[in-house]
Amino acid sequence: MFEKIRKMKNKKGFTLVELIVVLVILAILAAMLVPALTGYIDKAREQSLISEGAMVLTAAQATVSEAYGTGDLKLADNGTITVTETSKSALASQINQLAELKSGASWKFDVAVTSAANGTNYKSIKIQNLIYSDGKNSIAYNVTSNWGSTQKGVTLDNATPTITPILNSTDK
C-alpha cells in the first residue's frame, strides 16, 4: 500500500483542476486587455486621419496661394473668389498629387481673402474650413478651432460643418 502511494507521488504533471484554474486566469486577463487595446487602435486611426487631413491642408494652402498669386483664383468686387473650370481641375489634381492621397479619399474646403492690418494693399488667402474623408470616416478643420473630432462612418457629403467649397476633390 505504501508502495502505491510512493509511485503516485513520483508521477509528475498537472491535474485537470490546475489546468482549468490557469485557463480561467488567462481568460480574465485577456478580457481586461482587449478593450484597452481597441482604445489604442481607435486613437491611432484618428491620428492617422488627422495626419492625412493635415497633408491635404498643407497641399491645398500651397496650391491656393500659388493660384491666387498667378491669377488662377480671382477676387471679384463683391468679395467672392472665382475659379475657372479648367483651373479647378488642375488645382484639384495638384492638391491630390502633393498630398499623396490614397484611393477613396476626398476633401473640400473654402477660403477667405484678408487684407493686411498695416493698411497696405497686400491681401492674403487662407483656408478657413476643410473637410477630409478617407472614405469611411471624416474630420473637419476650422482656422479658429483647428481639427475637430473624427466623424466615424460619415462620408464627405454628410460631414459637418457644411461649407461652401471653393474647390472639391471631385473637381477633376
Protein backbone atom coordinates (compact mmCIF):
# COMPACT_ATOMS: atom_id res chain seq x y z
CA MET A 1 0.00 0.00 0.00
CA PHE A 2 2.81 2.44 0.87
CA GLU A 3 4.46 1.42 -2.33
CA LYS A 4 1.40 2.54 -4.34
CA ILE A 5 1.40 5.93 -2.61
CA ARG A 6 5.11 6.42 -3.34
CA LYS A 7 4.55 5.62 -7.02
CA MET A 8 1.72 8.19 -7.20
CA LYS A 9 3.95 10.85 -5.61
CA ASN A 10 6.64 10.30 -8.21
CA LYS A 11 4.26 10.99 -11.09
CA LYS A 12 4.87 14.47 -12.48
CA GLY A 13 2.33 16.70 -14.27
CA PHE A 14 -0.65 18.94 -13.70
CA THR A 15 -4.07 17.92 -12.58
CA LEU A 16 -7.17 18.87 -14.55
CA VAL A 17 -8.21 21.35 -11.87
CA GLU A 18 -4.85 23.15 -12.03
CA LEU A 19 -5.09 23.45 -15.80
CA ILE A 20 -8.64 24.83 -15.60
CA VAL A 21 -7.60 27.42 -13.00
CA VAL A 22 -4.75 28.61 -15.23
CA LEU A 23 -7.07 28.87 -18.24
CA VAL A 24 -9.63 30.85 -16.24
CA ILE A 25 -6.93 33.29 -15.08
CA LEU A 26 -5.71 33.73 -18.67
CA ALA A 27 -9.28 34.34 -19.88
CA ILE A 28 -9.81 37.03 -17.23
CA LEU A 29 -6.56 38.77 -18.18
CA ALA A 30 -7.46 38.65 -21.89
CA ALA A 31 -10.92 40.09 -21.16
CA MET A 32 -9.32 43.04 -19.36
CA LEU A 33 -6.69 43.61 -22.06
CA VAL A 34 -8.83 43.56 -25.23
CA PRO A 35 -10.84 46.77 -24.52
CA ALA A 36 -7.65 48.65 -23.70
CA LEU A 37 -6.06 47.59 -27.00
CA THR A 38 -9.11 48.58 -29.05
CA GLY A 39 -8.92 52.05 -27.49
CA TYR A 40 -5.33 52.40 -28.68
CA ILE A 41 -6.29 51.22 -32.15
CA ASP A 42 -9.10 53.81 -32.38
CA LYS A 43 -6.74 56.59 -31.26
CA ALA A 44 -4.17 55.53 -33.85
CA ARG A 45 -6.80 55.58 -36.61
CA GLU A 46 -7.92 59.07 -35.55
CA GLN A 47 -4.33 60.34 -35.53
CA SER A 48 -3.84 58.83 -38.98
CA LEU A 49 -6.93 60.65 -40.24
CA ILE A 50 -5.70 63.94 -38.77
CA SER A 51 -2.27 63.41 -40.33
CA GLU A 52 -3.74 62.75 -43.76
CA GLY A 53 -6.03 65.76 -43.38
CA ALA A 54 -3.06 67.94 -42.43
CA MET A 55 -1.26 66.83 -45.59
CA VAL A 56 -4.30 67.87 -47.64
CA LEU A 57 -4.49 71.18 -45.76
CA THR A 58 -0.83 71.97 -46.42
CA ALA A 59 -1.09 70.97 -50.09
CA ALA A 60 -4.30 72.96 -50.54
CA GLN A 61 -2.90 76.08 -48.86
CA ALA A 62 0.22 75.98 -51.02
CA THR A 63 -1.77 75.39 -54.20
CA VAL A 64 -4.39 78.06 -53.46
CA SER A 65 -1.75 80.63 -52.51
CA GLU A 66 0.15 79.93 -55.72
CA ALA A 67 -3.05 80.11 -57.80
CA TYR A 68 -4.04 83.40 -56.17
CA GLY A 69 -0.60 84.80 -56.89
CA THR A 70 -0.67 83.73 -60.55
CA GLY A 71 -4.26 84.90 -61.10
CA ASP A 72 -5.93 81.47 -61.49
CA LEU A 73 -8.03 82.40 -58.45
CA LYS A 74 -9.58 85.83 -58.78
CA LEU A 75 -11.22 88.04 -56.19
CA ALA A 76 -14.39 89.67 -57.51
CA ASP A 77 -15.54 93.14 -56.43
CA ASN A 78 -18.25 91.63 -54.22
CA GLY A 79 -15.61 89.64 -52.31
CA THR A 80 -16.28 86.24 -53.85
CA ILE A 81 -13.50 84.14 -55.29
CA THR A 82 -13.86 82.78 -58.80
CA VAL A 83 -12.06 79.83 -60.34
CA THR A 84 -12.36 78.72 -63.95
CA GLU A 85 -13.41 75.12 -64.58
CA THR A 86 -10.07 74.27 -66.20
CA SER A 87 -8.24 75.80 -63.25
CA LYS A 88 -10.42 73.83 -60.81
CA SER A 89 -9.42 70.58 -62.44
CA ALA A 90 -5.73 71.45 -62.49
CA LEU A 91 -5.74 72.74 -58.90
CA ALA A 92 -7.62 69.70 -57.57
CA SER A 93 -5.20 67.40 -59.37
CA GLN A 94 -2.21 69.30 -57.97
CA ILE A 95 -3.57 69.12 -54.40
CA ASN A 96 -4.16 65.36 -54.70
CA GLN A 97 -0.66 64.87 -56.06
CA LEU A 98 1.02 66.99 -53.38
CA ALA A 99 -0.96 65.35 -50.56
CA GLU A 100 -0.27 61.84 -51.92
CA LEU A 101 -3.84 60.76 -51.22
CA LYS A 102 -4.93 57.14 -51.04
CA SER A 103 -7.70 55.99 -53.33
CA GLY A 104 -11.15 56.68 -51.91
CA ALA A 105 -10.01 59.79 -50.04
CA SER A 106 -11.77 63.08 -50.74
CA TRP A 107 -11.78 66.66 -49.47
CA LYS A 108 -13.42 70.05 -49.83
CA PHE A 109 -12.60 73.48 -48.44
CA ASP A 110 -13.43 77.14 -48.51
CA VAL A 111 -11.09 80.11 -48.34
CA ALA A 112 -11.08 83.73 -47.30
CA VAL A 113 -9.07 86.66 -48.57
CA THR A 114 -7.95 89.14 -45.94
CA SER A 115 -6.25 92.50 -46.18
CA ALA A 116 -3.09 93.27 -44.28
CA ALA A 117 -3.58 95.01 -40.95
CA ASN A 118 -0.98 97.68 -41.69
CA GLY A 119 -3.16 99.37 -44.34
CA THR A 120 -1.15 98.24 -47.36
CA ASN A 121 -2.81 96.85 -50.45
CA TYR A 122 -1.43 93.38 -49.66
CA LYS A 123 -4.04 90.62 -49.41
CA SER A 124 -3.58 87.05 -48.33
CA ILE A 125 -5.65 83.96 -48.99
CA LYS A 126 -6.17 81.39 -46.25
CA ILE A 127 -8.12 78.18 -45.99
CA GLN A 128 -10.91 78.72 -43.46
CA ASN A 129 -12.58 75.30 -43.36
CA LEU A 130 -11.57 71.92 -44.72
CA ILE A 131 -13.31 68.57 -44.53
CA TYR A 132 -11.28 65.45 -45.27
CA SER A 133 -12.67 61.93 -45.64
CA ASP A 134 -10.75 58.69 -46.10
CA GLY A 135 -13.89 57.05 -47.50
CA LYS A 136 -15.04 55.68 -44.14
CA ASN A 137 -14.52 58.48 -41.62
CA SER A 138 -14.32 62.25 -41.88
CA ILE A 139 -12.65 65.05 -39.97
CA ALA A 140 -13.17 68.80 -40.16
CA TYR A 141 -10.66 71.64 -39.84
CA ASN A 142 -11.52 75.20 -38.93
CA VAL A 143 -8.97 78.01 -38.89
CA THR A 144 -10.05 79.14 -35.41
CA SER A 145 -10.61 75.80 -33.68
CA ASN A 146 -8.18 73.56 -35.59
CA TRP A 147 -9.11 69.87 -36.02
CA GLY A 148 -12.42 68.59 -34.68
CA SER A 149 -13.18 65.07 -33.61
CA THR A 150 -13.45 62.19 -36.04
CA GLN A 151 -16.88 61.65 -37.51
CA LYS A 152 -16.95 57.85 -37.72
CA GLY A 153 -18.85 56.26 -40.56
CA VAL A 154 -19.55 59.65 -42.15
CA THR A 155 -18.72 60.29 -45.79
CA LEU A 156 -17.59 63.65 -47.16
CA ASP A 157 -21.05 64.75 -48.29
CA ASN A 158 -22.60 64.13 -44.87
CA ALA A 159 -19.73 65.53 -42.78
CA THR A 160 -20.30 68.64 -40.68
CA PRO A 161 -19.86 71.56 -40.66
CA THR A 162 -21.46 72.22 -44.02
CA ILE A 163 -19.26 74.50 -46.06
CA THR A 164 -19.49 76.05 -49.48
CA PRO A 165 -16.38 74.67 -51.12
CA ILE A 166 -14.35 76.77 -53.48
CA LEU A 167 -12.60 73.60 -54.56
CA ASN A 168 -13.55 69.97 -54.16
CA SER A 169 -11.61 66.74 -54.73
CA THR A 170 -14.24 65.77 -57.32
CA ASP A 171 -13.33 68.81 -59.46
CA LYS A 172 -11.05 66.67 -61.62
